[in-house]
Amino acid sequence: MHSIWVTDKDNLDYWQNILKGEHVFELNLTGILFKSSDLYIPDNNLSLAQAIEASQAYWNPIFTKEAEARKEYLFQGKVFVKRKINSKR
């Protein structure tokens, strides 16, 4: 499975702050979009059982207010780059 990570306009400021100066582009997408949240990505300090549980939460998310504020998408399909968005540093 090959995917590209994308976000939406609602969370653009959040992710520009996280990415700190990386290139960000506005896209047109045609394909399959999977929505989750970085809140559910396991970190290196979890036990194996906790990491498996966190991974399951990522792939089967329940959107709390906090998770919705940190939502992200994985996309498969055709991407058309519309324009580069000025990055926040």
Protein backbone atom coordinates (compact mmCIF):
# COMPACT_ATOMS: atom_id res chain seq x y z
CA MET A 1 0.00 0.00 0.00
CA HIS A 2 1.41 3.38 -1.03
CA SER A 3 -0.17 6.46 0.51
CA ILE A 4 0.47 10.14 0.89
CA TRP A 5 -0.24 11.95 4.14
CA VAL A 6 -2.63 14.92 3.79
CA THR A 7 -4.65 17.26 5.98
CA ASP A 8 -7.57 19.62 5.45
CA LYS A 9 -8.02 23.39 5.75
CA ASP A 10 -9.40 23.04 9.29
CA ASN A 11 -6.12 21.60 10.58
CA LEU A 12 -3.66 23.38 8.29
CA ASP A 13 -2.36 25.74 11.01
CA TYR A 14 -1.84 22.82 13.42
CA TRP A 15 0.22 20.84 10.91
CA GLN A 16 2.20 23.84 9.63
CA ASN A 17 3.27 24.41 13.23
CA ILE A 18 4.30 20.75 13.56
CA LEU A 19 6.15 20.71 10.21
CA LYS A 20 7.99 24.01 10.91
CA GLY A 21 8.95 25.32 7.47
CA GLU A 22 8.49 22.15 5.41
CA HIS A 23 6.81 22.56 2.04
CA VAL A 24 3.01 22.41 2.10
CA PHE A 25 0.86 22.18 -1.02
CA GLU A 26 -2.82 22.57 -1.86
CA LEU A 27 -4.00 19.47 -3.72
CA ASN A 28 -6.92 18.12 -5.71
CA LEU A 29 -7.44 14.44 -4.84
CA THR A 30 -9.26 11.67 -6.67
CA GLY A 31 -9.22 8.32 -4.87
CA ILE A 32 -9.52 6.80 -1.40
CA LEU A 33 -9.16 8.91 1.76
CA PHE A 34 -8.64 7.36 5.21
CA LYS A 35 -9.15 9.64 8.24
CA SER A 36 -7.40 9.15 11.58
CA SER A 37 -5.48 11.22 14.15
CA ASP A 38 -1.83 11.49 15.13
CA LEU A 39 -3.11 11.23 18.70
CA TYR A 40 -3.27 7.45 18.18
CA ILE A 41 0.24 6.93 16.78
CA PRO A 42 2.21 4.76 19.21
CA ASP A 43 5.40 6.21 20.68
CA ASN A 44 8.64 4.43 21.54
CA ASN A 45 7.88 4.28 25.28
CA LEU A 46 4.94 1.87 25.01
CA SER A 47 5.04 -1.82 25.77
CA LEU A 48 4.26 -4.14 22.86
CA ALA A 49 0.68 -4.62 24.09
CA GLN A 50 0.18 -0.85 24.43
CA ALA A 51 1.66 -0.23 20.96
CA ILE A 52 -0.70 -2.80 19.43
CA GLU A 53 -3.65 -1.18 21.21
CA ALA A 54 -2.59 2.30 20.00
CA SER A 55 -2.15 0.99 16.44
CA GLN A 56 -5.64 -0.50 16.50
CA ALA A 57 -6.98 2.87 17.69
CA TYR A 58 -5.22 4.57 14.75
CA TRP A 59 -6.79 2.25 12.17
CA ASN A 60 -10.21 2.26 13.89
CA PRO A 61 -10.38 5.77 15.37
CA ILE A 62 -13.02 7.15 17.67
CA PHE A 63 -13.05 10.90 17.18
CA THR A 64 -12.96 12.73 20.47
CA LYS A 65 -12.67 16.52 20.41
CA GLU A 66 -8.88 16.21 20.90
CA ALA A 67 -8.51 13.60 18.15
CA GLU A 68 -10.58 15.73 15.76
CA ALA A 69 -8.28 18.69 16.44
CA ARG A 70 -5.29 16.54 15.41
CA LYS A 71 -6.87 14.68 12.50
CA GLU A 72 -4.88 13.55 9.50
CA TYR A 73 -5.58 11.58 6.35
CA LEU A 74 -3.86 8.89 4.33
CA PHE A 75 -4.68 9.11 0.64
CA GLN A 76 -4.34 6.67 -2.27
CA GLY A 77 -5.15 7.73 -5.80
CA LYS A 78 -4.41 10.59 -8.17
CA VAL A 79 -2.99 13.85 -6.87
CA PHE A 80 -2.96 17.17 -8.68
CA VAL A 81 -0.80 19.87 -7.07
CA LYS A 82 -2.67 23.18 -7.30
CA ARG A 83 -0.18 25.47 -5.57
CA LYS A 84 2.46 25.79 -2.87
CA ILE A 85 1.19 27.28 0.38
CA ASN A 86 3.49 29.68 2.22
CA SER A 87 5.00 27.88 5.20
CA LYS A 88 4.99 29.18 8.75
CA ARG A 89 8.38 29.26 10.42
